[in-house]
Amino acid sequence: MQWTQNFSPVGDSVVLSALVALIPILYFFWALAIKRMKGHIAGLTTLLVALVVAIVAYKMPATMAIMSATQGAVYGILPIGWIIITSVFLYKLTVKTGQFDIIRNSVLSITEDRRLQALLVAFSFGAFLEGAAGFGAPVAISAALLVGLGFNPLYAAGLCLLANTAPVAFGAIGIPIIAVEGPTGIPATEISKMVGRQLPFLSVFIPFYLVMIMAGWKKTVEVMPAILISGISFAVTQYLTSNFLGPELPDILSALVSLFALAIFLKFWKPASVFRFSTENLDTTLNSNHTQYTAGQVFKAWSPFLILTAFISIWGIPSIKTALVGTYEGTNPILKAVNVLGHALTFKPEVPGLHNLVLNPDGQPIAAVYKLEILAAAGTAILLSAVVTKFIVKISWGDWVKTFGETLVELKNPIITIASVVAFAYVTNASGMSTSLGMTLALTGALFPFFSPFLGWLGVFITGSDTSANLLFGNLQKITATSVGMDPVLAIAANSSGGVTGKMISPQSIAVACAAVGLAGKESDLFRFTVKHSIFLLLLIAIITYLQHSVFSWMIP
């Protein structure tokens, strides 16, 4: 039995339907921000509310709604949950073998100032990981590093989520922008250029905003030279690469330029005073820097993360990526061998009771498969990094396996949270709820250029992914923009740019960040920390988009 989506099931009104579709989202906000539920409880109950709305209001058959939830839950476990498990595992290996003490010392040797450490680790290093791997890896690894340096776990997670806004649109080798070319027909290079004329304004602002949140105005002014070096070097590189090289490399190159520019600058410049948090034990912080390590020891300590960087960068190369999923058609003998293994470890079984049974309003069936790309998953690249790390840090196989087991036990509830919120996203999409919300925003007419980024923000909040938000709303942006006299390239770019501000409050991102810093169950606290910043940054992108439509239209390629 097939079922056709109806985006106006409530009173034949898309606006009334959208108000009903808002119920699960508003419930989730209430559960975390007001009720302060544990993440896995909030996630599971939000999923339940979404299922009820899909079945009762949107008339989606119960079997289909439940099966769409299972499809999302599987995706929440692989690849997203798998990335978190392996990232935290790799971090725990460095802690257990004492290597993280050396990493901590090496960062302190550049600067003991918490403001500058946040710029180096949360902003620059996090952006590099976003460009190479995407998904949850940047926040998971950079937040864990900050906690190891002595940051409060909640602060570390919040700062890394905030810092992650600058690179998200070009994350994972440009996939969010490359993906939206398909449904819209607009070249990815044009969208890349436009995003590269919006996000650099945010990229310049984010380092300042991070430090301001941490330390207040006076302490921010003290390190303004470092903030300018970090932000401007990132933003200029982001503009140049996105406009002249395409969407694949802006994050990686911007992050590296910013990281090295700031590290070199700090060799010649120091702030007037060293900033630490009021809760820190200053004696411990100072004494930890007295131990002198050789360059070889520092290199060895950092090698797990250098190996990680190498693996996830390799995993992102298009030809290798196709081999890892078993779809490589070239002649390279090594890649052909990888292709055989990738094909054997890639499973795409149809979702029973759902595949091709949901029809969009045009009568086109929607495919539904469990996408299990085991070898191609970024988490597998991180696990291989952990295998290589085992030999470098000389930990026994027994302790290696024991540490992996400890990681699984620690992350039990966060994985439930991630699986449930991704399941919620899939139910929202399959039932048509998310499209009702998007169509309602599209009714804003002449004000649509201002509200266009809100669609991306909403899409990333629901799906946890800028790629998914672009696929979800990209064509709607194009159609609506054309009807109201807005350049469709600007609208699609605004979807991607607005989406980056939703990443920090996405249930997936919140769960990932809490899992990485050992705050499982404290998702509500982190949500309350990030939500106001998310809305503020979204308004900035909305204003930029409106001005580019009405005043600075010469900026549109």
Protein backbone atom coordinates (compact mmCIF):
# COMPACT_ATOMS: atom_id res chain seq x y z
CA MET A 1 0.00 0.00 0.00
CA GLN A 2 1.39 3.39 -1.03
CA TRP A 3 0.83 6.69 0.77
CA THR A 4 1.10 10.20 -0.70
CA GLN A 5 2.54 13.04 1.35
CA ASN A 6 0.20 15.94 2.05
CA PHE A 7 1.88 19.15 3.18
CA SER A 8 -1.48 20.76 4.14
CA PRO A 9 -3.30 17.98 6.02
CA VAL A 10 -4.74 20.24 8.77
CA GLY A 11 -7.72 22.21 7.48
CA ASP A 12 -6.18 22.21 3.98
CA SER A 13 -3.93 25.02 5.24
CA VAL A 14 -0.15 24.86 5.03
CA VAL A 15 0.13 27.43 7.86
CA LEU A 16 -2.11 25.45 10.25
CA SER A 17 -0.27 22.28 9.27
CA ALA A 18 3.06 23.96 9.99
CA LEU A 19 1.83 25.00 13.44
CA VAL A 20 1.01 21.37 14.16
CA ALA A 21 4.38 20.29 12.71
CA LEU A 22 6.04 22.66 15.20
CA ILE A 23 4.72 20.64 18.16
CA PRO A 24 7.63 18.12 18.34
CA ILE A 25 10.20 20.93 17.94
CA LEU A 26 8.60 23.09 20.61
CA TYR A 27 8.35 20.02 22.85
CA PHE A 28 12.07 19.37 22.40
CA PHE A 29 12.90 22.99 23.27
CA TRP A 30 10.68 22.71 26.37
CA ALA A 31 12.14 19.35 27.39
CA LEU A 32 15.74 20.63 27.28
CA ALA A 33 15.53 24.34 28.03
CA ILE A 34 12.76 24.38 30.64
CA LYS A 35 12.20 20.86 31.96
CA ARG A 36 15.96 20.06 31.75
CA MET A 37 15.40 16.43 30.86
CA LYS A 38 18.36 14.13 30.28
CA GLY A 39 19.24 14.01 26.59
CA HIS A 40 18.19 10.42 25.94
CA ILE A 41 14.83 10.96 27.68
CA ALA A 42 14.21 14.20 25.73
CA GLY A 43 15.22 12.47 22.48
CA LEU A 44 13.03 9.41 22.97
CA THR A 45 9.97 11.39 24.06
CA THR A 46 10.40 13.89 21.19
CA LEU A 47 10.49 10.94 18.80
CA LEU A 48 7.26 9.66 20.36
CA VAL A 49 5.58 13.09 19.97
CA ALA A 50 6.73 13.26 16.32
CA LEU A 51 5.30 9.80 15.62
CA VAL A 52 1.94 10.81 17.10
CA VAL A 53 1.82 14.02 15.01
CA ALA A 54 2.86 12.14 11.84
CA ILE A 55 0.21 9.44 12.34
CA VAL A 56 -2.70 11.51 13.73
CA ALA A 57 -2.31 14.90 12.00
CA TYR A 58 -0.44 13.98 8.81
CA LYS A 59 -2.33 10.67 8.35
CA MET A 60 0.90 8.75 7.77
CA PRO A 61 0.34 5.01 8.20
CA ALA A 62 1.73 3.93 11.59
CA THR A 63 3.93 1.22 10.08
CA MET A 64 5.56 3.69 7.70
CA ALA A 65 6.13 6.25 10.47
CA ILE A 66 7.75 3.64 12.73
CA MET A 67 9.91 2.25 9.91
CA SER A 68 11.11 5.76 9.00
CA ALA A 69 12.15 6.11 12.65
CA THR A 70 14.17 2.89 12.43
CA GLN A 71 15.87 4.20 9.28
CA GLY A 72 16.91 7.34 11.15
CA ALA A 73 18.02 5.41 14.24
CA VAL A 74 20.30 3.21 12.13
CA TYR A 75 21.84 6.30 10.52
CA GLY A 76 22.26 7.80 13.99
CA ILE A 77 24.34 4.79 15.01
CA LEU A 78 26.31 4.50 11.75
CA PRO A 79 27.94 6.80 10.74
CA ILE A 80 27.26 9.43 13.45
CA GLY A 81 27.45 7.37 16.64
CA TRP A 82 30.40 5.42 15.26
CA ILE A 83 32.38 8.67 14.87
CA ILE A 84 31.72 9.61 18.50
CA ILE A 85 32.70 6.19 19.85
CA THR A 86 35.98 6.08 17.94
CA SER A 87 36.87 9.75 18.57
CA VAL A 88 36.39 9.42 22.32
CA PHE A 89 38.24 6.08 22.26
CA LEU A 90 41.27 7.64 20.54
CA TYR A 91 41.29 10.49 23.06
CA LYS A 92 41.07 8.02 25.98
CA LEU A 93 44.07 6.10 24.60
CA THR A 94 46.20 9.25 24.74
CA VAL A 95 45.04 9.96 28.30
CA LYS A 96 45.57 6.39 29.53
CA THR A 97 49.12 6.24 28.16
CA GLY A 98 50.12 9.66 29.51
CA GLN A 99 50.54 11.18 26.06
CA PHE A 100 47.85 13.77 26.67
CA ASP A 101 49.92 15.32 29.45
CA ILE A 102 52.57 16.07 26.81
CA ILE A 103 49.95 17.42 24.37
CA ARG A 104 48.64 19.67 27.12
CA ASN A 105 52.16 20.86 27.89
CA SER A 106 52.90 21.59 24.22
CA VAL A 107 49.82 23.82 23.91
CA LEU A 108 50.73 25.56 27.15
CA SER A 109 54.22 26.18 25.73
CA ILE A 110 52.60 28.21 22.93
CA THR A 111 50.30 29.98 25.37
CA GLU A 112 48.91 29.41 28.84
CA ASP A 113 46.15 31.89 28.09
CA ARG A 114 42.73 30.21 27.91
CA ARG A 115 41.45 32.77 25.39
CA LEU A 116 44.20 31.95 22.92
CA GLN A 117 43.93 28.21 23.53
CA ALA A 118 40.25 28.42 22.57
CA LEU A 119 41.18 30.17 19.31
CA LEU A 120 43.84 27.58 18.46
CA VAL A 121 41.90 24.44 19.40
CA ALA A 122 38.16 25.22 19.16
CA PHE A 123 38.29 27.62 16.19
CA SER A 124 41.25 26.66 13.97
CA PHE A 125 41.84 22.97 14.75
CA GLY A 126 38.09 22.33 14.97
CA ALA A 127 37.58 23.94 11.55
CA PHE A 128 40.29 21.73 10.08
CA LEU A 129 38.54 18.61 11.36
CA GLU A 130 35.20 19.93 10.04
CA GLY A 131 36.75 20.33 6.60
CA ALA A 132 38.30 16.88 6.64
CA ALA A 133 35.65 14.75 8.35
CA GLY A 134 32.53 16.71 9.27
CA PHE A 135 29.69 15.06 11.21
CA GLY A 136 30.56 14.97 14.92
CA ALA A 137 34.33 14.61 14.74
CA PRO A 138 35.31 18.33 15.00
CA VAL A 139 33.32 19.04 18.15
CA ALA A 140 34.07 15.67 19.74
CA ILE A 141 37.85 15.89 19.34
CA SER A 142 38.41 19.61 19.91
CA ALA A 143 36.13 19.65 22.98
CA ALA A 144 37.94 16.65 24.45
CA LEU A 145 41.26 18.44 23.86
CA LEU A 146 40.04 21.56 25.67
CA VAL A 147 38.83 19.50 28.64
CA GLY A 148 42.24 17.86 28.78
CA LEU A 149 43.83 21.32 28.85
CA GLY A 150 41.74 22.19 31.90
CA PHE A 151 38.59 23.80 30.50
CA ASN A 152 35.28 23.26 32.26
CA PRO A 153 33.54 20.47 30.25
CA LEU A 154 30.34 22.46 29.65
CA TYR A 155 32.34 25.51 28.55
CA ALA A 156 34.56 23.39 26.30
CA ALA A 157 31.56 21.81 24.59
CA GLY A 158 29.75 25.14 24.21
CA LEU A 159 32.76 26.99 22.82
CA CYS A 160 33.48 24.24 20.30
CA LEU A 161 29.86 24.23 19.11
CA LEU A 162 30.04 28.02 18.68
CA ALA A 163 33.39 27.88 16.90
CA ASN A 164 32.07 25.19 14.56
CA THR A 165 29.69 27.69 12.90
CA ALA A 166 32.39 29.25 10.70
CA PRO A 167 33.34 26.09 8.75
CA VAL A 168 30.13 23.99 8.63
CA ALA A 169 28.90 25.12 5.17
CA PHE A 170 32.08 23.75 3.55
CA GLY A 171 32.35 20.75 5.89
CA ALA A 172 33.50 17.26 4.91
CA ILE A 173 35.30 18.28 1.69
CA GLY A 174 32.52 20.61 0.52
CA ILE A 175 29.73 17.99 0.55
CA PRO A 176 26.92 20.35 1.75
CA ILE A 177 27.40 22.59 -1.30
CA ILE A 178 28.24 19.84 -3.81
CA ALA A 179 25.11 17.90 -2.76
CA VAL A 180 22.67 20.77 -3.38
CA GLU A 181 23.69 21.09 -7.04
CA GLY A 182 21.70 17.92 -7.81
CA PRO A 183 18.18 18.95 -6.75
CA THR A 184 18.57 22.61 -7.79
CA GLY A 185 20.58 22.36 -11.01
CA ILE A 186 22.67 25.37 -9.97
CA PRO A 187 26.46 24.73 -10.25
CA ALA A 188 28.17 24.05 -6.93
CA THR A 189 30.92 26.52 -7.89
CA GLU A 190 28.36 29.37 -8.04
CA ILE A 191 26.86 28.45 -4.67
CA SER A 192 30.38 28.15 -3.25
CA LYS A 193 31.18 31.69 -4.44
CA MET A 194 28.06 33.12 -2.82
CA VAL A 195 28.56 31.30 0.49
CA GLY A 196 32.14 32.57 0.33
CA ARG A 197 30.76 36.11 0.20
CA GLN A 198 28.57 35.60 3.29
CA LEU A 199 30.37 33.38 5.79
CA PRO A 200 33.68 35.31 5.92
CA PHE A 201 31.80 38.10 7.73
CA LEU A 202 30.81 35.53 10.36
CA SER A 203 34.29 33.97 10.37
CA VAL A 204 35.88 37.31 11.28
CA PHE A 205 33.34 37.81 14.05
CA ILE A 206 33.37 34.33 15.64
CA PRO A 207 36.87 34.50 17.27
CA PHE A 208 35.95 37.85 18.84
CA TYR A 209 32.56 36.51 19.95
CA LEU A 210 34.13 33.37 21.47
CA VAL A 211 36.58 35.32 23.58
CA MET A 212 33.93 37.88 24.53
CA ILE A 213 31.70 35.09 25.90
CA MET A 214 34.65 33.61 27.80
CA ALA A 215 36.26 36.70 29.27
CA GLY A 216 34.18 39.87 28.84
CA TRP A 217 34.95 43.09 26.95
CA LYS A 218 38.14 44.28 28.73
CA LYS A 219 39.85 40.88 28.57
CA THR A 220 38.83 40.57 24.91
CA VAL A 221 40.43 43.89 23.99
CA GLU A 222 43.70 42.64 25.57
CA VAL A 223 44.00 39.90 22.94
CA MET A 224 42.49 41.81 20.01
CA PRO A 225 45.66 41.49 17.88
CA ALA A 226 45.49 37.68 18.18
CA ILE A 227 41.74 37.68 17.50
CA LEU A 228 42.26 39.73 14.33
CA ILE A 229 45.08 37.48 13.12
CA SER A 230 42.94 34.37 13.73
CA GLY A 231 39.71 35.71 12.22
CA ILE A 232 41.03 37.73 9.29
CA SER A 233 43.47 35.04 8.09
CA PHE A 234 40.63 32.49 8.21
CA ALA A 235 38.06 34.73 6.52
CA VAL A 236 40.35 35.93 3.70
CA THR A 237 41.44 32.36 2.91
CA GLN A 238 37.81 31.20 3.07
CA TYR A 239 36.78 33.87 0.54
CA LEU A 240 39.67 33.21 -1.84
CA THR A 241 39.39 29.42 -1.84
CA SER A 242 35.57 29.33 -2.10
CA ASN A 243 35.59 31.80 -5.01
CA PHE A 244 38.61 30.60 -6.97
CA LEU A 245 39.12 26.91 -6.04
CA GLY A 246 35.60 25.62 -5.34
CA PRO A 247 33.81 24.18 -2.29
CA GLU A 248 36.16 21.32 -1.40
CA LEU A 249 39.07 23.09 0.32
CA PRO A 250 37.94 26.32 2.06
CA ASP A 251 37.78 24.76 5.53
CA ILE A 252 41.04 22.84 5.41
CA LEU A 253 43.11 25.68 3.94
CA SER A 254 41.46 28.42 6.06
CA ALA A 255 42.00 26.40 9.24
CA LEU A 256 45.66 25.68 8.48
CA VAL A 257 46.41 29.30 7.55
CA SER A 258 44.66 30.54 10.69
CA LEU A 259 46.33 27.95 12.95
CA PHE A 260 49.86 28.61 11.72
CA ALA A 261 49.38 32.39 11.51
CA LEU A 262 48.27 32.56 15.14
CA ALA A 263 50.91 30.11 16.40
CA ILE A 264 53.69 32.07 14.67
CA PHE A 265 52.27 35.39 15.88
CA LEU A 266 52.28 34.13 19.47
CA LYS A 267 56.02 33.47 19.22
CA PHE A 268 56.52 37.23 18.97
CA TRP A 269 53.56 38.65 20.91
CA LYS A 270 52.10 37.93 24.33
CA PRO A 271 49.02 39.44 26.03
CA ALA A 272 49.50 41.83 28.95
CA SER A 273 48.13 39.24 31.38
CA VAL A 274 47.46 35.50 31.25
CA PHE A 275 43.75 34.72 31.46
CA ARG A 276 42.52 31.68 33.34
CA PHE A 277 39.11 30.73 34.67
CA SER A 278 38.37 31.80 38.24
CA THR A 279 37.69 28.18 39.22
CA GLU A 280 41.14 26.93 38.19
CA ASN A 281 43.93 25.81 40.51
CA LEU A 282 46.62 28.22 39.30
CA ASP A 283 49.49 26.36 40.97
CA THR A 284 48.66 23.18 39.07
CA THR A 285 48.38 25.05 35.79
CA LEU A 286 51.70 26.80 36.24
CA ASN A 287 53.63 23.79 37.52
CA SER A 288 52.45 21.60 34.64
CA ASN A 289 54.48 23.73 32.27
CA HIS A 290 57.79 23.23 34.09
CA THR A 291 58.45 19.79 32.59
CA GLN A 292 60.54 20.04 29.44
CA TYR A 293 59.81 17.54 26.66
CA THR A 294 61.90 16.91 23.57
CA ALA A 295 60.58 17.61 20.09
CA GLY A 296 60.42 13.83 19.55
CA GLN A 297 58.27 13.33 22.64
CA VAL A 298 55.90 16.13 21.59
CA PHE A 299 55.64 14.71 18.07
CA LYS A 300 54.91 11.24 19.46
CA ALA A 301 52.20 12.62 21.75
CA TRP A 302 50.50 14.48 18.90
CA SER A 303 50.94 11.61 16.43
CA PRO A 304 47.55 9.96 17.18
CA PHE A 305 45.81 13.17 16.05
CA LEU A 306 48.20 13.64 13.12
CA ILE A 307 47.44 10.06 12.03
CA LEU A 308 43.74 10.75 12.53
CA THR A 309 44.03 13.84 10.33
CA ALA A 310 45.82 11.83 7.63
CA PHE A 311 43.25 9.03 7.67
CA ILE A 312 40.16 11.24 7.57
CA SER A 313 41.74 13.41 4.86
CA ILE A 314 42.40 10.28 2.76
CA TRP A 315 38.85 9.06 3.44
CA GLY A 316 37.54 12.34 1.99
CA ILE A 317 39.35 12.11 -1.37
CA PRO A 318 36.58 11.51 -3.97
CA SER A 319 38.23 8.56 -5.78
CA ILE A 320 39.06 6.84 -2.51
CA LYS A 321 35.57 7.54 -1.17
CA THR A 322 34.00 5.80 -4.15
CA ALA A 323 36.33 2.82 -3.66
CA LEU A 324 35.44 2.61 0.04
CA VAL A 325 31.74 2.26 -0.81
CA GLY A 326 32.47 -0.20 -3.63
CA THR A 327 31.53 2.03 -6.59
CA TYR A 328 35.02 2.77 -7.98
CA GLU A 329 35.29 2.45 -11.79
CA GLY A 330 38.93 3.43 -12.36
CA THR A 331 41.99 1.31 -13.17
CA ASN A 332 44.23 1.97 -10.14
CA PRO A 333 45.04 -1.54 -8.80
CA ILE A 334 45.17 -0.48 -5.15
CA LEU A 335 41.83 1.32 -5.35
CA LYS A 336 40.35 -1.65 -7.22
CA ALA A 337 41.37 -3.87 -4.29
CA VAL A 338 39.88 -1.40 -1.81
CA ASN A 339 36.76 -1.31 -3.97
CA VAL A 340 36.27 -5.07 -3.54
CA LEU A 341 36.51 -4.75 0.25
CA GLY A 342 34.32 -1.63 0.24
CA HIS A 343 31.66 -3.43 -1.79
CA ALA A 344 31.74 -6.36 0.66
CA LEU A 345 31.33 -4.02 3.64
CA THR A 346 28.59 -1.78 2.18
CA PHE A 347 24.99 -2.75 2.82
CA LYS A 348 21.92 -0.89 1.59
CA PRO A 349 18.94 -3.08 2.46
CA GLU A 350 15.53 -1.62 1.69
CA VAL A 351 13.51 -0.42 4.68
CA PRO A 352 10.59 -2.86 4.80
CA GLY A 353 7.18 -1.27 4.65
CA LEU A 354 8.67 2.10 3.58
CA HIS A 355 10.93 1.83 0.50
CA ASN A 356 9.21 3.43 -2.51
CA LEU A 357 5.88 3.32 -0.67
CA VAL A 358 5.87 7.01 0.31
CA LEU A 359 5.02 9.21 -2.69
CA ASN A 360 5.68 12.94 -2.90
CA PRO A 361 2.78 15.15 -4.11
CA ASP A 362 4.01 14.71 -7.71
CA GLY A 363 3.51 10.96 -7.39
CA GLN A 364 7.23 10.15 -7.32
CA PRO A 365 8.21 7.30 -4.93
CA ILE A 366 10.79 8.09 -2.24
CA ALA A 367 13.52 5.49 -1.77
CA ALA A 368 14.25 4.35 1.78
CA VAL A 369 17.29 2.20 2.54
CA TYR A 370 19.41 1.46 5.57
CA LYS A 371 22.69 2.99 4.45
CA LEU A 372 25.47 0.98 6.10
CA GLU A 373 28.82 1.96 4.58
CA ILE A 374 31.06 0.35 7.17
CA LEU A 375 34.47 0.80 5.52
CA ALA A 376 33.65 4.27 4.19
CA ALA A 377 32.43 5.62 7.54
CA ALA A 378 34.68 8.30 9.04
CA GLY A 379 34.50 6.40 12.33
CA THR A 380 36.30 3.49 10.68
CA ALA A 381 39.11 5.84 9.63
CA ILE A 382 39.36 6.99 13.26
CA LEU A 383 39.36 3.38 14.50
CA LEU A 384 42.26 2.58 12.16
CA SER A 385 44.03 5.63 13.63
CA ALA A 386 43.52 4.05 17.05
CA VAL A 387 45.03 0.76 15.80
CA VAL A 388 48.14 2.57 14.54
CA THR A 389 48.23 4.60 17.79
CA LYS A 390 48.33 1.34 19.79
CA PHE A 391 51.80 0.61 18.39
CA ILE A 392 53.06 4.18 18.81
CA VAL A 393 52.03 4.59 22.45
CA LYS A 394 52.90 0.94 23.19
CA ILE A 395 49.68 -0.08 24.94
CA SER A 396 48.89 -3.81 25.16
CA TRP A 397 46.04 -5.29 23.13
CA GLY A 398 44.35 -6.21 26.41
CA ASP A 399 44.35 -2.61 27.65
CA TRP A 400 43.41 -1.37 24.15
CA VAL A 401 40.32 -3.59 24.07
CA LYS A 402 39.50 -2.77 27.70
CA THR A 403 39.62 0.97 26.92
CA PHE A 404 37.32 0.43 23.93
CA GLY A 405 34.89 -1.43 26.18
CA GLU A 406 34.98 1.40 28.74
CA THR A 407 34.21 3.87 25.94
CA LEU A 408 31.17 1.88 24.81
CA VAL A 409 29.80 1.75 28.36
CA GLU A 410 30.36 5.51 28.87
CA LEU A 411 28.60 6.40 25.62
CA LYS A 412 25.56 4.15 26.01
CA ASN A 413 23.08 6.95 26.77
CA PRO A 414 24.56 9.48 24.28
CA ILE A 415 24.21 6.91 21.49
CA ILE A 416 20.55 6.41 22.46
CA THR A 417 20.14 10.21 22.33
CA ILE A 418 21.72 10.46 18.88
CA ALA A 419 19.75 7.51 17.48
CA SER A 420 16.45 8.91 18.78
CA VAL A 421 16.93 12.47 17.53
CA VAL A 422 18.01 11.31 14.06
CA ALA A 423 14.96 9.01 14.06
CA PHE A 424 12.86 12.11 14.89
CA ALA A 425 14.41 13.94 11.91
CA TYR A 426 13.58 11.09 9.54
CA VAL A 427 9.95 10.91 10.75
CA THR A 428 9.65 14.68 10.28
CA ASN A 429 10.95 14.45 6.71
CA ALA A 430 9.05 11.31 5.62
CA SER A 431 5.72 12.58 6.95
CA GLY A 432 6.10 15.97 5.23
CA MET A 433 6.20 18.00 8.47
CA SER A 434 9.52 19.67 7.64
CA THR A 435 8.27 20.65 4.16
CA SER A 436 5.13 22.23 5.68
CA LEU A 437 7.39 24.35 7.90
CA GLY A 438 9.54 25.35 4.93
CA MET A 439 6.56 26.23 2.74
CA THR A 440 5.15 28.45 5.48
CA LEU A 441 8.39 30.42 5.74
CA ALA A 442 8.32 30.73 1.97
CA LEU A 443 5.01 32.62 2.26
CA THR A 444 6.82 35.68 3.66
CA GLY A 445 6.93 37.25 0.16
CA ALA A 446 9.01 40.44 -0.07
CA LEU A 447 10.58 39.63 3.30
CA PHE A 448 11.72 36.21 2.08
CA PRO A 449 15.34 37.36 1.55
CA PHE A 450 15.47 38.03 5.31
CA PHE A 451 13.75 34.78 6.27
CA SER A 452 15.58 32.60 3.74
CA PRO A 453 18.41 31.70 6.20
CA PHE A 454 15.74 30.66 8.75
CA LEU A 455 14.92 27.72 6.48
CA GLY A 456 18.52 26.52 6.63
CA TRP A 457 18.61 27.05 10.39
CA LEU A 458 15.42 25.02 10.80
CA GLY A 459 16.72 22.32 8.46
CA VAL A 460 19.97 21.86 10.37
CA PHE A 461 18.16 21.94 13.72
CA ILE A 462 15.91 19.10 12.55
CA THR A 463 18.46 17.00 10.63
CA GLY A 464 21.74 17.92 12.36
CA SER A 465 23.40 18.34 8.96
CA ASP A 466 23.94 21.28 6.60
CA THR A 467 24.02 18.75 3.75
CA SER A 468 20.61 17.36 4.72
CA ALA A 469 19.17 20.86 5.20
CA ASN A 470 20.37 21.85 1.72
CA LEU A 471 18.84 18.73 0.18
CA LEU A 472 15.63 19.27 2.16
CA PHE A 473 15.05 22.95 1.37
CA GLY A 474 17.42 23.78 -1.52
CA ASN A 475 14.84 23.45 -4.30
CA LEU A 476 12.16 25.18 -2.21
CA GLN A 477 14.59 28.11 -1.80
CA LYS A 478 15.17 28.25 -5.55
CA ILE A 479 11.46 28.17 -6.47
CA THR A 480 10.42 30.71 -3.82
CA ALA A 481 13.32 33.06 -4.62
CA THR A 482 12.41 33.08 -8.31
CA SER A 483 8.77 33.88 -7.49
CA VAL A 484 9.63 36.87 -5.25
CA GLY A 485 12.39 38.34 -7.44
CA MET A 486 15.33 37.13 -5.37
CA ASP A 487 18.43 35.62 -7.00
CA PRO A 488 18.15 31.83 -6.45
CA VAL A 489 21.93 31.54 -5.96
CA LEU A 490 21.65 33.93 -3.00
CA ALA A 491 18.70 31.99 -1.55
CA ILE A 492 20.44 28.61 -1.74
CA ALA A 493 23.63 30.09 -0.29
CA ALA A 494 21.55 31.64 2.51
CA ASN A 495 20.12 28.19 3.25
CA SER A 496 23.64 26.87 3.74
CA SER A 497 24.91 29.92 5.65
CA GLY A 498 21.83 30.07 7.88
CA GLY A 499 22.20 26.37 8.52
CA VAL A 500 25.59 26.78 10.16
CA THR A 501 23.99 28.75 12.99
CA GLY A 502 21.56 25.91 13.68
CA LYS A 503 24.31 23.34 14.11
CA MET A 504 25.06 24.38 17.71
CA ILE A 505 21.49 23.67 18.90
CA SER A 506 20.84 20.60 16.77
CA PRO A 507 19.92 17.70 19.09
CA GLN A 508 22.59 15.57 17.38
CA SER A 509 25.32 18.15 17.94
CA ILE A 510 24.31 18.67 21.57
CA ALA A 511 24.41 14.92 22.21
CA VAL A 512 27.77 14.55 20.45
CA ALA A 513 29.37 17.41 22.40
CA CYS A 514 28.10 16.15 25.77
CA ALA A 515 29.29 12.63 25.00
CA ALA A 516 32.77 13.87 24.09
CA VAL A 517 33.33 15.75 27.35
CA GLY A 518 31.67 13.27 29.71
CA LEU A 519 28.48 15.27 30.29
CA ALA A 520 25.93 12.63 29.26
CA GLY A 521 22.63 13.63 30.82
CA LYS A 522 23.54 17.34 30.89
CA GLU A 523 22.33 18.09 27.37
CA SER A 524 19.78 20.57 28.69
CA ASP A 525 22.51 22.72 30.26
CA LEU A 526 24.46 22.82 27.00
CA PHE A 527 21.32 23.63 25.00
CA ARG A 528 20.54 26.55 27.30
CA PHE A 529 24.13 27.79 26.82
CA THR A 530 24.02 27.72 22.99
CA VAL A 531 20.44 28.60 22.02
CA LYS A 532 20.72 32.38 22.52
CA HIS A 533 23.97 32.52 20.54
CA SER A 534 22.40 30.48 17.74
CA ILE A 535 19.49 32.90 17.36
CA PHE A 536 21.78 35.96 17.51
CA LEU A 537 24.11 34.62 14.79
CA LEU A 538 21.12 33.57 12.66
CA LEU A 539 19.84 37.17 12.75
CA LEU A 540 23.26 38.40 11.58
CA ILE A 541 23.14 36.04 8.57
CA ALA A 542 19.53 37.11 7.86
CA ILE A 543 20.55 40.79 7.84
CA ILE A 544 23.58 40.07 5.60
CA THR A 545 21.35 38.14 3.15
CA TYR A 546 18.70 40.88 3.05
CA LEU A 547 21.33 43.57 2.43
CA GLN A 548 22.95 41.50 -0.32
CA HIS A 549 19.53 41.18 -1.97
CA SER A 550 18.48 44.80 -1.65
CA VAL A 551 21.59 47.01 -1.34
CA PHE A 552 24.72 45.04 -2.19
CA SER A 553 23.37 42.93 -5.06
CA TRP A 554 26.72 43.40 -6.85
CA MET A 555 28.10 40.80 -4.40
CA ILE A 556 26.01 38.05 -6.01
CA PRO A 557 28.12 36.13 -8.61
